[in-house]
Amino acid sequence: MAANGGGQKQMTNGVANSSRPSWSHDGKWLYFTSSRCGRDGSGETRIADFHYSGGSSQNIAPAKEGLFYRTARPDSVWFHNFADGKTHMVFKTDKPLDAGISVSPDGRWLLYTQVDG
């Protein structure tokens, strides 16, 4: 919807949960996490499947060249590169990651929180 509250438009539909929306760096795309599985004919592109880790996406952080995302099990941050479509692990930690990751505006830094106690 517009920042003034007008022009509301539903972006997803179906029985699946969709949450944690975020804009792409250039404002052309919308990213979100979802409990849907399989292809539903919506034209949406799946970036990652979190079922393999036994966890679910906790947060996403769009960057100019791709999308950072965090998984709960294992506690790790991944990066999906839009240019080549490949995904790689950025880092994994033995301490639980807390909710929230963010990329600096210039894309050089990744900010996250973890539980140290």
N, C-alpha and C. Protein backbone atom coordinates (compact mmCIF):
# COMPACT_ATOMS: atom_id res chain seq x y z
N MET A 1 0.83 -1.17 0.00
CA MET A 1 0.00 0.00 0.00
C MET A 1 0.89 1.24 0.00
N ALA A 2 0.34 2.32 -0.37
CA ALA A 2 1.07 3.58 -0.34
C ALA A 2 1.39 3.96 1.10
N ALA A 3 2.46 4.72 1.29
CA ALA A 3 2.87 5.12 2.63
C ALA A 3 1.80 5.91 3.38
N ASN A 4 0.87 6.52 2.64
CA ASN A 4 -0.20 7.28 3.28
C ASN A 4 -1.40 6.40 3.64
N GLY A 5 -1.29 5.09 3.39
CA GLY A 5 -2.35 4.15 3.77
C GLY A 5 -3.31 3.81 2.65
N GLY A 6 -3.21 4.45 1.50
CA GLY A 6 -4.12 4.18 0.39
C GLY A 6 -3.55 3.15 -0.58
N GLY A 7 -4.38 2.68 -1.48
CA GLY A 7 -3.94 1.79 -2.54
C GLY A 7 -3.51 0.42 -2.09
N GLN A 8 -4.19 -0.14 -1.10
CA GLN A 8 -3.83 -1.47 -0.61
C GLN A 8 -4.04 -2.50 -1.70
N LYS A 9 -3.09 -3.46 -1.79
CA LYS A 9 -3.16 -4.52 -2.79
C LYS A 9 -2.64 -5.81 -2.18
N GLN A 10 -3.41 -6.88 -2.29
CA GLN A 10 -2.98 -8.18 -1.79
C GLN A 10 -1.92 -8.73 -2.73
N MET A 11 -0.77 -9.14 -2.19
CA MET A 11 0.35 -9.60 -3.00
C MET A 11 0.45 -11.12 -3.06
N THR A 12 -0.10 -11.83 -2.08
CA THR A 12 -0.06 -13.29 -2.07
C THR A 12 -1.46 -13.80 -1.80
N ASN A 13 -1.69 -15.07 -2.10
CA ASN A 13 -2.97 -15.68 -1.76
C ASN A 13 -2.76 -17.17 -1.56
N GLY A 14 -3.80 -17.84 -1.14
CA GLY A 14 -3.71 -19.27 -0.89
C GLY A 14 -3.76 -19.57 0.59
N VAL A 15 -3.58 -20.85 0.92
CA VAL A 15 -3.69 -21.29 2.30
C VAL A 15 -2.38 -21.22 3.06
N ALA A 16 -1.28 -20.98 2.38
CA ALA A 16 0.03 -20.94 3.03
C ALA A 16 0.22 -19.64 3.80
N ASN A 17 1.03 -19.71 4.85
CA ASN A 17 1.42 -18.50 5.57
C ASN A 17 2.49 -17.76 4.78
N SER A 18 2.36 -16.48 4.61
CA SER A 18 3.38 -15.64 3.98
C SER A 18 3.70 -14.52 4.97
N SER A 19 5.00 -14.30 5.22
CA SER A 19 5.38 -13.32 6.23
C SER A 19 6.74 -12.72 5.90
N ARG A 20 7.17 -11.78 6.73
CA ARG A 20 8.46 -11.10 6.66
C ARG A 20 8.74 -10.51 5.27
N PRO A 21 7.87 -9.65 4.77
CA PRO A 21 8.10 -9.06 3.45
C PRO A 21 9.27 -8.08 3.47
N SER A 22 9.93 -7.98 2.33
CA SER A 22 11.06 -7.07 2.20
C SER A 22 11.23 -6.70 0.73
N TRP A 23 11.58 -5.44 0.46
CA TRP A 23 11.79 -4.97 -0.90
C TRP A 23 13.19 -5.31 -1.38
N SER A 24 13.35 -5.51 -2.69
CA SER A 24 14.67 -5.67 -3.27
C SER A 24 15.41 -4.34 -3.21
N HIS A 25 16.72 -4.40 -3.40
CA HIS A 25 17.56 -3.21 -3.35
C HIS A 25 17.09 -2.13 -4.32
N ASP A 26 16.65 -2.55 -5.50
CA ASP A 26 16.22 -1.59 -6.54
C ASP A 26 14.72 -1.30 -6.50
N GLY A 27 14.00 -1.92 -5.56
CA GLY A 27 12.57 -1.66 -5.42
C GLY A 27 11.69 -2.36 -6.45
N LYS A 28 12.25 -3.27 -7.25
CA LYS A 28 11.48 -3.94 -8.30
C LYS A 28 10.85 -5.26 -7.84
N TRP A 29 11.36 -5.84 -6.76
CA TRP A 29 10.91 -7.15 -6.33
C TRP A 29 10.51 -7.13 -4.87
N LEU A 30 9.67 -8.07 -4.50
CA LEU A 30 9.24 -8.26 -3.12
C LEU A 30 9.66 -9.66 -2.71
N TYR A 31 10.31 -9.78 -1.56
CA TYR A 31 10.71 -11.07 -1.02
C TYR A 31 9.88 -11.33 0.23
N PHE A 32 9.58 -12.60 0.47
CA PHE A 32 8.85 -12.97 1.68
C PHE A 32 9.11 -14.43 1.98
N THR A 33 8.89 -14.81 3.22
CA THR A 33 8.98 -16.22 3.58
C THR A 33 7.57 -16.80 3.50
N SER A 34 7.51 -18.11 3.28
CA SER A 34 6.21 -18.74 3.10
C SER A 34 6.27 -20.20 3.53
N SER A 35 5.15 -20.72 3.97
CA SER A 35 5.06 -22.14 4.31
C SER A 35 4.59 -22.97 3.12
N ARG A 36 4.38 -22.34 1.98
CA ARG A 36 3.90 -23.10 0.82
C ARG A 36 5.00 -24.01 0.31
N CYS A 37 4.60 -25.05 -0.38
CA CYS A 37 5.57 -25.97 -0.96
C CYS A 37 5.10 -26.33 -2.36
N GLY A 38 6.03 -26.68 -3.20
CA GLY A 38 5.70 -27.02 -4.58
C GLY A 38 5.43 -25.78 -5.40
N ARG A 39 5.14 -25.97 -6.66
CA ARG A 39 4.83 -24.87 -7.55
C ARG A 39 3.32 -24.67 -7.58
N ASP A 40 2.90 -23.42 -7.50
CA ASP A 40 1.46 -23.17 -7.44
C ASP A 40 0.96 -22.36 -8.63
N GLY A 41 1.82 -22.12 -9.63
CA GLY A 41 1.39 -21.39 -10.81
C GLY A 41 1.29 -19.90 -10.62
N SER A 42 1.83 -19.38 -9.52
CA SER A 42 1.68 -17.96 -9.22
C SER A 42 2.71 -17.09 -9.92
N GLY A 43 3.74 -17.70 -10.50
CA GLY A 43 4.81 -16.93 -11.12
C GLY A 43 5.89 -16.52 -10.14
N GLU A 44 5.75 -16.93 -8.88
CA GLU A 44 6.76 -16.64 -7.88
C GLU A 44 7.93 -17.58 -8.05
N THR A 45 9.12 -17.15 -7.67
CA THR A 45 10.32 -17.96 -7.77
C THR A 45 10.81 -18.32 -6.38
N ARG A 46 11.01 -19.60 -6.14
CA ARG A 46 11.53 -20.05 -4.86
C ARG A 46 13.04 -19.83 -4.85
N ILE A 47 13.52 -19.14 -3.84
CA ILE A 47 14.95 -18.89 -3.70
C ILE A 47 15.61 -20.03 -2.91
N ALA A 48 14.96 -20.47 -1.85
CA ALA A 48 15.53 -21.51 -1.00
C ALA A 48 14.42 -22.35 -0.41
N ASP A 49 14.74 -23.62 -0.17
CA ASP A 49 13.83 -24.54 0.49
C ASP A 49 14.41 -24.85 1.86
N PHE A 50 13.73 -24.46 2.92
CA PHE A 50 14.27 -24.60 4.25
C PHE A 50 13.95 -25.93 4.90
N HIS A 51 13.21 -26.80 4.22
CA HIS A 51 12.85 -28.08 4.81
C HIS A 51 14.08 -28.97 5.02
N TYR A 52 15.11 -28.83 4.18
CA TYR A 52 16.29 -29.67 4.29
C TYR A 52 17.00 -29.53 5.63
N SER A 53 16.89 -28.37 6.26
CA SER A 53 17.61 -28.15 7.51
C SER A 53 16.75 -28.41 8.73
N GLY A 54 15.51 -28.75 8.53
CA GLY A 54 14.62 -28.98 9.65
C GLY A 54 14.15 -27.69 10.29
N GLY A 55 14.49 -26.57 9.71
CA GLY A 55 14.12 -25.28 10.29
C GLY A 55 13.29 -24.48 9.31
N SER A 56 13.17 -23.21 9.57
CA SER A 56 12.44 -22.33 8.69
C SER A 56 13.17 -21.02 8.58
N SER A 57 12.86 -20.25 7.59
CA SER A 57 13.53 -18.97 7.44
C SER A 57 13.15 -18.06 8.59
N GLN A 58 14.11 -17.42 9.18
CA GLN A 58 13.86 -16.49 10.27
C GLN A 58 13.96 -15.05 9.80
N ASN A 59 14.74 -14.80 8.76
CA ASN A 59 14.87 -13.44 8.29
C ASN A 59 15.54 -13.42 6.93
N ILE A 60 15.25 -12.39 6.18
CA ILE A 60 15.86 -12.19 4.87
C ILE A 60 16.38 -10.76 4.80
N ALA A 61 17.45 -10.58 4.04
CA ALA A 61 18.07 -9.26 3.91
C ALA A 61 18.49 -9.08 2.45
N PRO A 62 17.69 -8.36 1.67
CA PRO A 62 18.06 -8.14 0.26
C PRO A 62 19.30 -7.28 0.14
N ALA A 63 20.13 -7.59 -0.83
CA ALA A 63 21.32 -6.82 -1.18
C ALA A 63 21.26 -6.56 -2.69
N LYS A 64 22.12 -5.74 -3.18
CA LYS A 64 22.09 -5.37 -4.60
C LYS A 64 22.28 -6.59 -5.51
N GLU A 65 23.20 -7.47 -5.17
CA GLU A 65 23.52 -8.61 -6.02
C GLU A 65 22.74 -9.88 -5.68
N GLY A 66 22.01 -9.87 -4.58
CA GLY A 66 21.32 -11.09 -4.19
C GLY A 66 20.56 -10.93 -2.89
N LEU A 67 20.38 -12.05 -2.22
CA LEU A 67 19.56 -12.09 -1.02
C LEU A 67 20.26 -12.91 0.06
N PHE A 68 20.48 -12.30 1.23
CA PHE A 68 20.98 -13.02 2.39
C PHE A 68 19.78 -13.57 3.14
N TYR A 69 19.91 -14.75 3.70
CA TYR A 69 18.84 -15.28 4.55
C TYR A 69 19.44 -16.14 5.63
N ARG A 70 18.70 -16.25 6.72
CA ARG A 70 19.14 -16.99 7.89
C ARG A 70 18.27 -18.22 8.08
N THR A 71 18.90 -19.32 8.47
CA THR A 71 18.16 -20.53 8.81
C THR A 71 18.36 -20.85 10.29
N ALA A 72 17.39 -21.52 10.87
CA ALA A 72 17.42 -21.83 12.30
C ALA A 72 18.23 -23.09 12.60
N ARG A 73 18.21 -24.05 11.74
CA ARG A 73 18.94 -25.31 11.97
C ARG A 73 19.59 -25.76 10.68
N PRO A 74 20.87 -25.70 10.51
CA PRO A 74 21.81 -25.16 11.49
C PRO A 74 21.74 -23.64 11.52
N ASP A 75 22.18 -23.04 12.61
CA ASP A 75 22.21 -21.59 12.70
C ASP A 75 23.25 -21.09 11.69
N SER A 76 22.77 -20.51 10.62
CA SER A 76 23.67 -20.11 9.54
C SER A 76 23.04 -19.01 8.70
N VAL A 77 23.88 -18.31 7.96
CA VAL A 77 23.44 -17.29 7.02
C VAL A 77 23.92 -17.71 5.64
N TRP A 78 23.05 -17.61 4.66
CA TRP A 78 23.30 -18.01 3.29
C TRP A 78 23.13 -16.81 2.37
N PHE A 79 23.69 -16.91 1.16
CA PHE A 79 23.54 -15.85 0.16
C PHE A 79 23.14 -16.48 -1.16
N HIS A 80 22.06 -15.94 -1.75
CA HIS A 80 21.61 -16.38 -3.08
C HIS A 80 21.98 -15.28 -4.08
N ASN A 81 22.81 -15.63 -5.06
CA ASN A 81 23.27 -14.69 -6.07
C ASN A 81 22.27 -14.66 -7.23
N PHE A 82 21.73 -13.48 -7.53
CA PHE A 82 20.75 -13.37 -8.60
C PHE A 82 21.35 -13.63 -9.98
N ALA A 83 22.60 -13.23 -10.20
CA ALA A 83 23.21 -13.33 -11.52
C ALA A 83 23.38 -14.78 -11.97
N ASP A 84 23.90 -15.64 -11.09
CA ASP A 84 24.13 -17.02 -11.51
C ASP A 84 23.15 -18.02 -10.89
N GLY A 85 22.28 -17.56 -9.99
CA GLY A 85 21.28 -18.43 -9.39
C GLY A 85 21.84 -19.39 -8.35
N LYS A 86 23.10 -19.22 -7.96
CA LYS A 86 23.72 -20.12 -7.00
C LYS A 86 23.59 -19.58 -5.58
N THR A 87 23.56 -20.51 -4.63
CA THR A 87 23.45 -20.18 -3.22
C THR A 87 24.63 -20.79 -2.48
N HIS A 88 25.20 -20.04 -1.55
CA HIS A 88 26.29 -20.58 -0.74
C HIS A 88 26.15 -20.10 0.71
N MET A 89 26.71 -20.91 1.63
CA MET A 89 26.69 -20.54 3.04
C MET A 89 27.73 -19.45 3.27
N VAL A 90 27.32 -18.38 3.95
CA VAL A 90 28.23 -17.30 4.31
C VAL A 90 28.96 -17.68 5.58
N PHE A 91 28.20 -18.11 6.58
CA PHE A 91 28.83 -18.62 7.81
C PHE A 91 27.83 -19.45 8.60
N LYS A 92 28.37 -20.28 9.48
CA LYS A 92 27.60 -21.11 10.40
C LYS A 92 28.20 -20.90 11.78
N THR A 93 27.36 -20.92 12.80
CA THR A 93 27.83 -20.72 14.16
C THR A 93 27.29 -21.81 15.07
N ASP A 94 28.04 -22.09 16.14
CA ASP A 94 27.56 -23.07 17.12
C ASP A 94 26.66 -22.42 18.16
N LYS A 95 26.55 -21.08 18.12
CA LYS A 95 25.65 -20.35 19.01
C LYS A 95 24.38 -20.00 18.23
N PRO A 96 23.23 -20.03 18.90
CA PRO A 96 21.98 -19.70 18.20
C PRO A 96 21.97 -18.26 17.70
N LEU A 97 21.53 -18.08 16.47
CA LEU A 97 21.34 -16.74 15.94
C LEU A 97 20.00 -16.21 16.42
N ASP A 98 19.98 -14.97 16.84
CA ASP A 98 18.75 -14.33 17.27
C ASP A 98 18.05 -13.79 16.02
N ALA A 99 16.82 -13.35 16.15
CA ALA A 99 16.09 -12.83 15.01
C ALA A 99 16.76 -11.57 14.49
N GLY A 100 16.89 -11.47 13.19
CA GLY A 100 17.34 -10.25 12.57
C GLY A 100 18.69 -10.33 11.89
N ILE A 101 18.72 -10.05 10.60
CA ILE A 101 19.95 -9.79 9.86
C ILE A 101 19.69 -8.59 8.97
N SER A 102 20.74 -7.85 8.68
CA SER A 102 20.61 -6.67 7.86
C SER A 102 21.91 -6.46 7.08
N VAL A 103 21.79 -5.92 5.87
CA VAL A 103 22.95 -5.63 5.03
C VAL A 103 23.15 -4.12 4.99
N SER A 104 24.41 -3.68 5.08
CA SER A 104 24.69 -2.24 5.01
C SER A 104 24.31 -1.72 3.61
N PRO A 105 24.02 -0.44 3.49
CA PRO A 105 23.61 0.11 2.19
C PRO A 105 24.62 -0.12 1.07
N ASP A 106 25.92 -0.15 1.40
CA ASP A 106 26.92 -0.39 0.36
C ASP A 106 27.17 -1.88 0.12
N GLY A 107 26.51 -2.77 0.88
CA GLY A 107 26.62 -4.20 0.70
C GLY A 107 27.90 -4.82 1.26
N ARG A 108 28.70 -4.05 1.97
CA ARG A 108 29.98 -4.55 2.46
C ARG A 108 29.88 -5.21 3.83
N TRP A 109 28.83 -4.95 4.58
CA TRP A 109 28.72 -5.45 5.94
C TRP A 109 27.38 -6.16 6.17
N LEU A 110 27.45 -7.18 7.00
CA LEU A 110 26.25 -7.94 7.39
C LEU A 110 26.12 -7.81 8.90
N LEU A 111 24.97 -7.38 9.36
CA LEU A 111 24.71 -7.20 10.78
C LEU A 111 23.75 -8.30 11.24
N TYR A 112 24.10 -8.96 12.35
CA TYR A 112 23.24 -10.02 12.89
C TYR A 112 23.38 -10.04 14.39
N THR A 113 22.50 -10.75 15.05
CA THR A 113 22.57 -10.92 16.49
C THR A 113 22.58 -12.41 16.80
N GLN A 114 23.25 -12.77 17.89
CA GLN A 114 23.26 -14.16 18.32
C GLN A 114 23.14 -14.22 19.83
N VAL A 115 22.79 -15.38 20.33
CA VAL A 115 22.61 -15.61 21.76
C VAL A 115 23.93 -16.12 22.32
N ASP A 116 24.49 -15.40 23.28
CA ASP A 116 25.79 -15.78 23.85
C ASP A 116 25.68 -16.41 25.22
N GLY A 117 24.50 -16.69 25.69
CA GLY A 117 24.41 -17.20 27.06
C GLY A 117 23.73 -18.46 27.21
